[in-house]
C-alpha atoms as a PDB file:
ATOM      1  CA  MET A   1       0.000   0.000   0.000  1.00  0.00           C
ATOM      2  CA  PHE A   2       1.321   3.456  -0.995  1.00  0.00           C
ATOM      3  CA  LEU A   3      -0.001   6.714   0.433  1.00  0.00           C
ATOM      4  CA  GLY A   4       1.140  10.258  -0.314  1.00  0.00           C
ATOM      5  CA  LEU A   5       0.380  13.922   0.344  1.00  0.00           C
ATOM      6  CA  HIS A   6       0.699  16.492  -2.454  1.00  0.00           C
ATOM      7  CA  GLY A   7       1.082  20.249  -2.198  1.00  0.00           C
ATOM      8  CA  VAL A   8       3.616  22.999  -1.590  1.00  0.00           C
ATOM      9  CA  VAL A   9       6.122  22.485   1.232  1.00  0.00           C
ATOM     10  CA  ASP A  10       8.572  25.018   2.654  1.00  0.00           C
ATOM     11  CA  VAL A  11      11.302  23.047   4.413  1.00  0.00           C
ATOM     12  CA  ASP A  12      13.534  24.876   6.898  1.00  0.00           C
ATOM     13  CA  ALA A  13      17.043  24.878   5.437  1.00  0.00           C
ATOM     14  CA  ALA A  14      18.394  24.091   8.912  1.00  0.00           C
ATOM     15  CA  VAL A  15      16.751  20.656   8.713  1.00  0.00           C
ATOM     16  CA  ILE A  16      18.666  19.723   5.563  1.00  0.00           C
ATOM     17  CA  GLU A  17      21.895  21.070   7.057  1.00  0.00           C
ATOM     18  CA  HIS A  18      21.296  19.063  10.238  1.00  0.00           C
ATOM     19  CA  TRP A  19      20.855  15.894   8.195  1.00  0.00           C
ATOM     20  CA  HIS A  20      24.010  16.559   6.206  1.00  0.00           C
ATOM     21  CA  GLN A  21      25.970  17.021   9.422  1.00  0.00           C
ATOM     22  CA  GLY A  22      24.551  13.725  10.647  1.00  0.00           C
ATOM     23  CA  ASP A  23      25.694  11.892   7.507  1.00  0.00           C
ATOM     24  CA  VAL A  24      22.175  11.560   6.089  1.00  0.00           C
ATOM     25  CA  ALA A  25      23.108  11.412   2.418  1.00  0.00           C
ATOM     26  CA  GLN A  26      19.654  11.684   0.809  1.00  0.00           C
ATOM     27  CA  VAL A  27      16.531  13.619   1.712  1.00  0.00           C
ATOM     28  CA  ASP A  28      14.512  10.411   1.246  1.00  0.00           C
ATOM     29  CA  ASP A  29      16.659   8.760   3.937  1.00  0.00           C
ATOM     30  CA  GLY A  30      15.896  11.608   6.317  1.00  0.00           C
ATOM     31  CA  ILE A  31      12.162  11.441   5.606  1.00  0.00           C
ATOM     32  CA  ASN A  32      12.207   7.675   6.067  1.00  0.00           C
ATOM     33  CA  GLY A  33      13.880   8.073   9.455  1.00  0.00           C
ATOM     34  CA  LEU A  34      11.327  10.709  10.515  1.00  0.00           C
ATOM     35  CA  VAL A  35       8.395   8.449   9.642  1.00  0.00           C
ATOM     36  CA  ILE A  36       9.931   5.475  11.465  1.00  0.00           C
ATOM     37  CA  SER A  37      10.639   7.601  14.544  1.00  0.00           C
ATOM     38  CA  ARG A  38       7.095   8.939  14.602  1.00  0.00           C
ATOM     39  CA  ALA A  39       5.599   5.475  14.101  1.00  0.00           C
ATOM     40  CA  ASP A  40       7.610   4.240  17.088  1.00  0.00           C
ATOM     41  CA  ALA A  41       6.333   7.181  19.157  1.00  0.00           C
ATOM     42  CA  TYR A  42       2.736   6.132  18.427  1.00  0.00           C
ATOM     43  CA  GLY A  43       3.506   2.460  19.019  1.00  0.00           C
ATOM     44  CA  TRP A  44       2.687   1.623  15.397  1.00  0.00           C
ATOM     45  CA  PRO A  45       4.565  -0.850  13.150  1.00  0.00           C
ATOM     46  CA  SER A  46       7.955   0.266  11.889  1.00  0.00           C
ATOM     47  CA  ALA A  47      11.050  -1.090  10.164  1.00  0.00           C
ATOM     48  CA  HIS A  48      12.179  -2.479  13.512  1.00  0.00           C
ATOM     49  CA  SER A  49       9.691  -5.286  12.906  1.00  0.00           C
ATOM     50  CA  SER A  50      12.490  -6.811  10.742  1.00  0.00           C
ATOM     51  CA  ASP A  51      12.271 -10.185   8.978  1.00  0.00           C
ATOM     52  CA  GLY A  52       9.187 -11.381   7.174  1.00  0.00           C
ATOM     53  CA  VAL A  53       5.662 -10.867   8.435  1.00  0.00           C
ATOM     54  CA  PRO A  54       5.770  -9.652  12.047  1.00  0.00           C
ATOM     55  CA  PRO A  55       3.482 -11.886  14.129  1.00  0.00           C
ATOM     56  CA  GLY A  56       0.135 -10.298  14.864  1.00  0.00           C
ATOM     57  CA  ARG A  57       0.798  -7.236  12.725  1.00  0.00           C
ATOM     58  CA  ARG A  58      -1.724  -5.972  10.175  1.00  0.00           C
ATOM     59  CA  TRP A  59       0.798  -3.673   8.421  1.00  0.00           C
ATOM     60  CA  TRP A  60       4.434  -2.655   8.689  1.00  0.00           C
ATOM     61  CA  HIS A  61       6.745  -0.022   7.283  1.00  0.00           C
ATOM     62  CA  LEU A  62       8.759  -0.500   4.093  1.00  0.00           C
ATOM     63  CA  GLU A  63      10.000   2.931   2.988  1.00  0.00           C
ATOM     64  CA  ALA A  64       9.184   6.632   2.778  1.00  0.00           C
ATOM     65  CA  GLY A  65      10.349   9.658   0.820  1.00  0.00           C
ATOM     66  CA  GLY A  66       9.266  12.901  -0.781  1.00  0.00           C
ATOM     67  CA  ASP A  67      10.067  15.645  -3.258  1.00  0.00           C
ATOM     68  CA  TRP A  68      11.596  18.722  -1.598  1.00  0.00           C
ATOM     69  CA  ARG A  69      13.704  19.791  -4.593  1.00  0.00           C
ATOM     70  CA  ASN A  70      11.277  22.428  -5.902  1.00  0.00           C
ATOM     71  CA  PRO A  71      10.526  25.069  -3.241  1.00  0.00           C
ATOM     72  CA  GLY A  72       7.316  26.951  -3.963  1.00  0.00           C
ATOM     73  CA  ARG A  73       6.089  24.391  -6.500  1.00  0.00           C
ATOM     74  CA  GLN A  74       3.415  21.734  -6.128  1.00  0.00           C
ATOM     75  CA  THR A  75       5.034  18.328  -5.591  1.00  0.00           C
ATOM     76  CA  GLU A  76       4.407  14.948  -4.019  1.00  0.00           C
ATOM     77  CA  MET A  77       5.590  16.336  -0.702  1.00  0.00           C
ATOM     78  CA  VAL A  78       5.842  13.085   1.218  1.00  0.00           C
ATOM     79  CA  TRP A  79       4.867   9.434   0.693  1.00  0.00           C
ATOM     80  CA  CYS A  80       5.234   6.079   2.351  1.00  0.00           C
ATOM     81  CA  GLN A  81       4.862   2.423   1.462  1.00  0.00           C
ATOM     82  CA  VAL A  82       3.738  -0.293   3.843  1.00  0.00           C
ATOM     83  CA  ASP A  83       3.183  -3.994   3.434  1.00  0.00           C
ATOM     84  CA  VAL A  84      -0.259  -5.215   4.415  1.00  0.00           C
ATOM     85  CA  ALA A  85      -1.043  -8.649   5.804  1.00  0.00           C
ATOM     86  CA  PRO A  86      -3.953 -10.688   4.410  1.00  0.00           C
ATOM     87  CA  GLN A  87      -7.455  -9.758   5.531  1.00  0.00           C
ATOM     88  CA  SER A  88      -8.134  -9.542   9.215  1.00  0.00           C
ATOM     89  CA  PRO A  89     -11.630  -8.514  10.393  1.00  0.00           C
ATOM     90  CA  ALA A  90     -10.105  -6.668  13.336  1.00  0.00           C
ATOM     91  CA  TYR A  91      -8.046  -4.159  11.321  1.00  0.00           C
ATOM     92  CA  ARG A  92      -8.902  -1.671   8.592  1.00  0.00           C
ATOM     93  CA  LEU A  93      -6.363  -0.535   6.056  1.00  0.00           C
ATOM     94  CA  PRO A  94      -4.135   2.114   7.734  1.00  0.00           C
ATOM     95  CA  PHE A  95      -5.363   5.223   5.905  1.00  0.00           C
ATOM     96  CA  VAL A  96      -5.575   7.418   9.014  1.00  0.00           C
ATOM     97  CA  PRO A  97      -2.366   6.259  10.779  1.00  0.00           C
ATOM     98  CA  LEU A  98      -0.232   6.720   7.662  1.00  0.00           C
ATOM     99  CA  THR A  99      -1.703  10.148   6.967  1.00  0.00           C
ATOM    100  CA  ALA A 100      -0.984  11.179  10.559  1.00  0.00           C
ATOM    101  CA  LEU A 101       2.646  10.052  10.222  1.00  0.00           C
ATOM    102  CA  LEU A 102       3.155  11.998   7.000  1.00  0.00           C
ATOM    103  CA  SER A 103       1.409  15.119   8.315  1.00  0.00           C
ATOM    104  CA  ASP A 104       3.551  15.009  11.461  1.00  0.00           C
ATOM    105  CA  ALA A 105       6.731  14.610   9.388  1.00  0.00           C
ATOM    106  CA  LEU A 106       5.897  17.664   7.266  1.00  0.00           C
ATOM    107  CA  SER A 107       5.008  19.750  10.316  1.00  0.00           C
ATOM    108  CA  ALA A 108       8.339  18.804  11.921  1.00  0.00           C
ATOM    109  CA  VAL A 109      10.450  20.199   9.076  1.00  0.00           C
ATOM    110  CA  GLY A 110       8.573  23.345   8.031  1.00  0.00           C
ATOM    111  CA  THR A 111       5.211  24.460   6.720  1.00  0.00           C
ATOM    112  CA  TYR A 112       3.047  23.104   3.935  1.00  0.00           C
ATOM    113  CA  ARG A 113      -0.171  23.609   1.993  1.00  0.00           C
ATOM    114  CA  LEU A 114      -2.058  20.457   1.059  1.00  0.00           C
ATOM    115  CA  THR A 115      -3.522  20.264  -2.456  1.00  0.00           C
ATOM    116  CA  GLY A 116      -4.002  16.525  -2.937  1.00  0.00           C
ATOM    117  CA  PHE A 117      -3.828  13.011  -1.553  1.00  0.00           C
ATOM    118  CA  HIS A 118      -3.393   9.584  -3.109  1.00  0.00           C
ATOM    119  CA  ALA A 119      -3.407   5.975  -2.001  1.00  0.00           C
ATOM    120  CA  LEU A 120      -2.652   2.823  -3.946  1.00  0.00           C
ATOM    121  CA  VAL A 121      -5.130   0.543  -2.211  1.00  0.00           C
ATOM    122  CA  PRO A 122      -4.824  -3.275  -2.158  1.00  0.00           C
ATOM    123  CA  MET A 123      -8.527  -4.073  -2.427  1.00  0.00           C
ATOM    124  CA  GLU A 124      -7.923  -7.740  -1.649  1.00  0.00           C
ATOM    125  CA  ALA A 125      -6.872  -6.646   1.860  1.00  0.00           C
ATOM    126  CA  ALA A 126      -9.772  -4.237   2.448  1.00  0.00           C
ATOM    127  CA  VAL A 127     -12.176  -5.200   5.220  1.00  0.00           C
ATOM    128  CA  ASP A 128     -15.622  -3.954   6.263  1.00  0.00           C
ATOM    129  CA  ALA A 129     -15.107  -0.363   7.488  1.00  0.00           C
ATOM    130  CA  ARG A 130     -18.763   0.619   7.917  1.00  0.00           C
ATOM    131  CA  ALA A 131     -18.791   0.698  11.719  1.00  0.00           C
ATOM    132  CA  ALA A 132     -15.589   2.730  11.905  1.00  0.00           C
ATOM    133  CA  LEU A 133     -16.775   5.200   9.271  1.00  0.00           C
ATOM    134  CA  ALA A 134     -20.037   5.657  11.175  1.00  0.00           C
ATOM    135  CA  SER A 135     -18.020   6.434  14.296  1.00  0.00           C
ATOM    136  CA  MET A 136     -15.825   8.880  12.364  1.00  0.00           C
ATOM    137  CA  VAL A 137     -18.854  10.933  11.266  1.00  0.00           C
ATOM    138  CA  GLU A 138     -19.049  12.716  14.630  1.00  0.00           C
ATOM    139  CA  TRP A 139     -15.389  13.755  14.354  1.00  0.00           C
ATOM    140  CA  GLN A 140     -15.895  14.935  10.778  1.00  0.00           C
ATOM    141  CA  GLU A 141     -18.939  16.939  11.803  1.00  0.00           C
ATOM    142  CA  LEU A 142     -17.237  18.508  14.807  1.00  0.00           C
ATOM    143  CA  THR A 143     -14.067  19.516  12.960  1.00  0.00           C
ATOM    144  CA  ALA A 144     -15.747  20.701   9.763  1.00  0.00           C
ATOM    145  CA  PHE A 145     -19.052  22.384  10.622  1.00  0.00           C
ATOM    146  CA  ARG A 146     -17.414  25.820  11.049  1.00  0.00           C
ATOM    147  CA  GLN A 147     -15.557  25.502   7.741  1.00  0.00           C
ATOM    148  CA  PRO A 148     -16.841  26.742   4.368  1.00  0.00           C
ATOM    149  CA  GLU A 149     -17.959  24.344   1.676  1.00  0.00           C
ATOM    150  CA  HIS A 150     -15.121  23.055  -0.455  1.00  0.00           C
ATOM    151  CA  ALA A 151     -15.228  21.439  -3.891  1.00  0.00           C
ATOM    152  CA  VAL A 152     -12.934  18.425  -4.314  1.00  0.00           C
ATOM    153  CA  ARG A 153     -12.534  15.789  -6.978  1.00  0.00           C
ATOM    154  CA  VAL A 154     -12.096  12.102  -6.238  1.00  0.00           C
ATOM    155  CA  ARG A 155     -10.554   9.914  -8.934  1.00  0.00           C
ATOM    156  CA  LEU A 156     -10.414   6.116  -9.048  1.00  0.00           C
ATOM    157  CA  GLU A 157      -8.046   4.329 -11.452  1.00  0.00           C
ATOM    158  CA  GLY A 158      -7.565   0.640 -12.190  1.00  0.00           C
ATOM    159  CA  LEU A 159     -11.227  -0.314 -12.085  1.00  0.00           C
ATOM    160  CA  PRO A 160     -12.976  -3.066 -14.023  1.00  0.00           C
ATOM    161  CA  GLU A 161     -15.616  -1.860 -16.476  1.00  0.00           C
ATOM    162  CA  SER A 162     -18.392  -3.331 -14.325  1.00  0.00           C
ATOM    163  CA  VAL A 163     -17.990  -0.633 -11.642  1.00  0.00           C
ATOM    164  CA  ARG A 164     -20.895   1.842 -11.816  1.00  0.00           C
ATOM    165  CA  ALA A 165     -20.143   5.452 -10.975  1.00  0.00           C
ATOM    166  CA  ASP A 166     -23.685   6.293  -9.844  1.00  0.00           C
ATOM    167  CA  ALA A 167     -23.779   3.343  -7.444  1.00  0.00           C
ATOM    168  CA  LEU A 168     -20.391   4.252  -5.934  1.00  0.00           C
ATOM    169  CA  ALA A 169     -21.439   7.881  -5.448  1.00  0.00           C
ATOM    170  CA  ALA A 170     -24.672   6.826  -3.737  1.00  0.00           C
ATOM    171  CA  THR A 171     -22.868   4.404  -1.409  1.00  0.00           C
ATOM    172  CA  ALA A 172     -20.225   6.982  -0.473  1.00  0.00           C
ATOM    173  CA  MET A 173     -22.915   9.526   0.420  1.00  0.00           C
ATOM    174  CA  ASP A 174     -24.791   6.950   2.498  1.00  0.00           C
ATOM    175  CA  LEU A 175     -21.594   6.172   4.415  1.00  0.00           C
ATOM    176  CA  ALA A 176     -20.973   9.896   5.001  1.00  0.00           C
ATOM    177  CA  GLN A 177     -24.403  10.294   6.651  1.00  0.00           C
ATOM    178  CA  GLY A 178     -25.218  13.681   5.178  1.00  0.00           C
ATOM    179  CA  HIS A 179     -21.721  15.200   5.259  1.00  0.00           C
ATOM    180  CA  LEU A 180     -20.901  14.636   1.590  1.00  0.00           C
ATOM    181  CA  ALA A 181     -22.525  15.696  -1.679  1.00  0.00           C
ATOM    182  CA  CYS A 182     -21.211  13.703  -4.607  1.00  0.00           C
ATOM    183  CA  ARG A 183     -21.986  13.049  -8.257  1.00  0.00           C
ATOM    184  CA  PRO A 184     -20.124  11.287 -11.075  1.00  0.00           C
ATOM    185  CA  GLY A 185     -17.937  13.761 -12.955  1.00  0.00           C
ATOM    186  CA  ALA A 186     -16.913  14.003 -16.580  1.00  0.00           C
ATOM    187  CA  GLU A 187     -15.464  10.885 -18.137  1.00  0.00           C
ATOM    188  CA  ALA A 188     -11.923  10.413 -16.855  1.00  0.00           C
ATOM    189  CA  ASP A 189      -8.781  10.047 -18.958  1.00  0.00           C
ATOM    190  CA  THR A 190      -5.925   8.097 -17.390  1.00  0.00           C
ATOM    191  CA  ASN A 191      -3.447  10.385 -19.182  1.00  0.00           C
ATOM    192  CA  THR A 192      -4.826  13.505 -17.478  1.00  0.00           C
ATOM    193  CA  LEU A 193      -3.708  14.290 -13.944  1.00  0.00           C
ATOM    194  CA  ILE A 194      -6.247  15.249 -11.317  1.00  0.00           C
ATOM    195  CA  GLU A 195      -5.988  18.832 -10.095  1.00  0.00           C
ATOM    196  CA  GLY A 196      -4.007  18.988  -6.857  1.00  0.00           C
ATOM    197  CA  ILE A 197      -1.856  15.953  -7.699  1.00  0.00           C
ATOM    198  CA  ALA A 198       1.529  17.135  -8.946  1.00  0.00           C
ATOM    199  CA  THR A 199       2.823  14.087 -10.828  1.00  0.00           C
ATOM    200  CA  ARG A 200       2.010  10.453 -11.354  1.00  0.00           C
ATOM    201  CA  PRO A 201       1.956   9.419  -7.698  1.00  0.00           C
ATOM    202  CA  THR A 202       4.437   7.018  -6.159  1.00  0.00           C
ATOM    203  CA  GLY A 203       3.011   3.551  -6.690  1.00  0.00           C
ATOM    204  CA  HIS A 204       1.307   4.452  -9.980  1.00  0.00           C
ATOM    205  CA  GLU A 205       3.547   2.071 -11.953  1.00  0.00           C
ATOM    206  CA  ARG A 206       2.777  -0.656  -9.443  1.00  0.00           C
ATOM    207  CA  LEU A 207      -0.883  -0.222 -10.374  1.00  0.00           C
ATOM    208  CA  HIS A 208      -0.093  -1.410 -13.893  1.00  0.00           C
ATOM    209  CA  GLU A 209       1.735  -4.505 -12.638  1.00  0.00           C
ATOM    210  CA  VAL A 210      -1.356  -6.045 -11.066  1.00  0.00           C
ATOM    211  CA  PRO A 211      -4.125  -7.757 -13.052  1.00  0.00           C
ATOM    212  CA  ASN A 212      -7.076  -5.391 -12.931  1.00  0.00           C
ATOM    213  CA  GLY A 213      -9.073  -3.073 -15.173  1.00  0.00           C
ATOM    214  CA  ASP A 214      -7.975   0.199 -16.733  1.00  0.00           C
ATOM    215  CA  HIS A 215     -11.311   1.946 -16.181  1.00  0.00           C
ATOM    216  CA  CYS A 216     -11.089   5.396 -14.558  1.00  0.00           C
ATOM    217  CA  LEU A 217     -13.855   7.381 -12.830  1.00  0.00           C
ATOM    218  CA  ASN A 218     -14.076  10.959 -11.547  1.00  0.00           C
ATOM    219  CA  PHE A 219     -16.433  12.241  -8.852  1.00  0.00           C
ATOM    220  CA  ASP A 220     -17.257  15.873  -8.094  1.00  0.00           C
ATOM    221  CA  CYS A 221     -17.744  16.239  -4.346  1.00  0.00           C
ATOM    222  CA  THR A 222     -18.638  18.968  -1.884  1.00  0.00           C
ATOM    223  CA  VAL A 223     -17.456  18.773   1.723  1.00  0.00           C
ATOM    224  CA  GLN A 224     -17.063  21.141   4.666  1.00  0.00           C
ATOM    225  CA  GLY A 225     -13.475  22.330   4.899  1.00  0.00           C
ATOM    226  CA  TRP A 226     -10.265  20.905   3.474  1.00  0.00           C
ATOM    227  CA  SER A 227      -7.462  19.139   5.347  1.00  0.00           C
ATOM    228  CA  ALA A 228      -5.529  15.892   5.389  1.00  0.00           C
ATOM    229  CA  ASP A 229      -8.265  14.487   7.652  1.00  0.00           C
ATOM    230  CA  THR A 230     -10.900  15.351   5.052  1.00  0.00           C
ATOM    231  CA  ALA A 231      -8.880  13.876   2.191  1.00  0.00           C
ATOM    232  CA  VAL A 232      -8.225  10.580   3.946  1.00  0.00           C
ATOM    233  CA  TRP A 233     -11.870  10.351   5.050  1.00  0.00           C
ATOM    234  CA  LEU A 234     -12.978  10.673   1.425  1.00  0.00           C
ATOM    235  CA  ALA A 235     -10.464   8.054   0.321  1.00  0.00           C
ATOM    236  CA  GLU A 236     -11.711   5.577   2.893  1.00  0.00           C
ATOM    237  CA  LEU A 237     -15.362   6.286   2.036  1.00  0.00           C
ATOM    238  CA  PHE A 238     -14.756   5.431  -1.618  1.00  0.00           C
ATOM    239  CA  THR A 239     -12.627   2.401  -0.747  1.00  0.00           C
ATOM    240  CA  GLU A 240     -15.486   1.020   1.352  1.00  0.00           C
ATOM    241  CA  ALA A 241     -17.940   1.791  -1.452  1.00  0.00           C
ATOM    242  CA  LEU A 242     -15.688  -0.148  -3.846  1.00  0.00           C
ATOM    243  CA  ARG A 243     -15.415  -3.044  -1.388  1.00  0.00           C
ATOM    244  CA  GLN A 244     -19.194  -3.259  -1.213  1.00  0.00           C
ATOM    245  CA  SER A 245     -19.400  -3.323  -5.017  1.00  0.00           C
ATOM    246  CA  ARG A 246     -17.339  -6.562  -4.983  1.00  0.00           C
ATOM    247  CA  ALA A 247     -16.021  -5.631  -8.428  1.00  0.00           C
ATOM    248  CA  ALA A 248     -12.479  -4.395  -7.694  1.00  0.00           C
ATOM    249  CA  LYS A 249     -10.271  -7.315  -6.691  1.00  0.00           C
ATOM    250  CA  ALA A 250      -6.745  -5.918  -7.099  1.00  0.00           C
ATOM    251  CA  SER A 251      -5.072  -2.572  -6.468  1.00  0.00           C
ATOM    252  CA  VAL A 252      -6.915   0.694  -7.134  1.00  0.00           C
ATOM    253  CA  LEU A 253      -5.452   4.196  -7.165  1.00  0.00           C
ATOM    254  CA  VAL A 254      -7.598   6.610  -5.145  1.00  0.00           C
ATOM    255  CA  ALA A 255      -6.713  10.299  -5.624  1.00  0.00           C
ATOM    256  CA  VAL A 256      -8.329  13.305  -3.956  1.00  0.00           C
ATOM    257  CA  GLY A 257      -7.563  16.800  -5.236  1.00  0.00           C
ATOM    258  CA  ALA A 258      -8.679  20.269  -4.209  1.00  0.00           C
END
């Protein structure tokens, strides 16, 4: 599973200098270390899990990186890759934990403005998230009700032709319990990037290595406010809607742009 945050990041030059003094040769190595350190602070899986599948773990860290070479320009600011164990009813895919790690890493090194989010989602590992999403509605309502309406676009790539856009939109709105307006957008072109996503996201090539469809759908959505929390909430809503459709069996790229 890959997950990344896109936008404009202003990294404090002192951070890079500190890494160079500490023999951190590449920015990606420094980002990777930050994400591991933060995961350990939360008590979440990290590279210290070492060989093979760590017993009892749902997911564990593989690598992380980001593009900090273009100050002032929209980039894939930070991303991470984790390995996910086979389905376990007790654990959802780690959308929220990974987003928290990446947000914390960016906040530790400077300031940033979020414009997009992506996740390469292993649908074969997705489990029923309805109860958790219902519980998350109260948080979404509390954190967003004072915010203005915001238009965002959700894009799904790697779908089989049998997936129906209208059915997915209806399911996502049902799961959001009144906090999302959504309709299928214009027909999507896999060669056109979604607004807010700077480049082909990390993991995009992996999408083409797995046996799945090449169908692509866009959805025009309206939500209250815009933040990493909002983006990841939308991604998980659409992942659950896809799981309920029983059509997507392999990896799907979910992108959210503002």
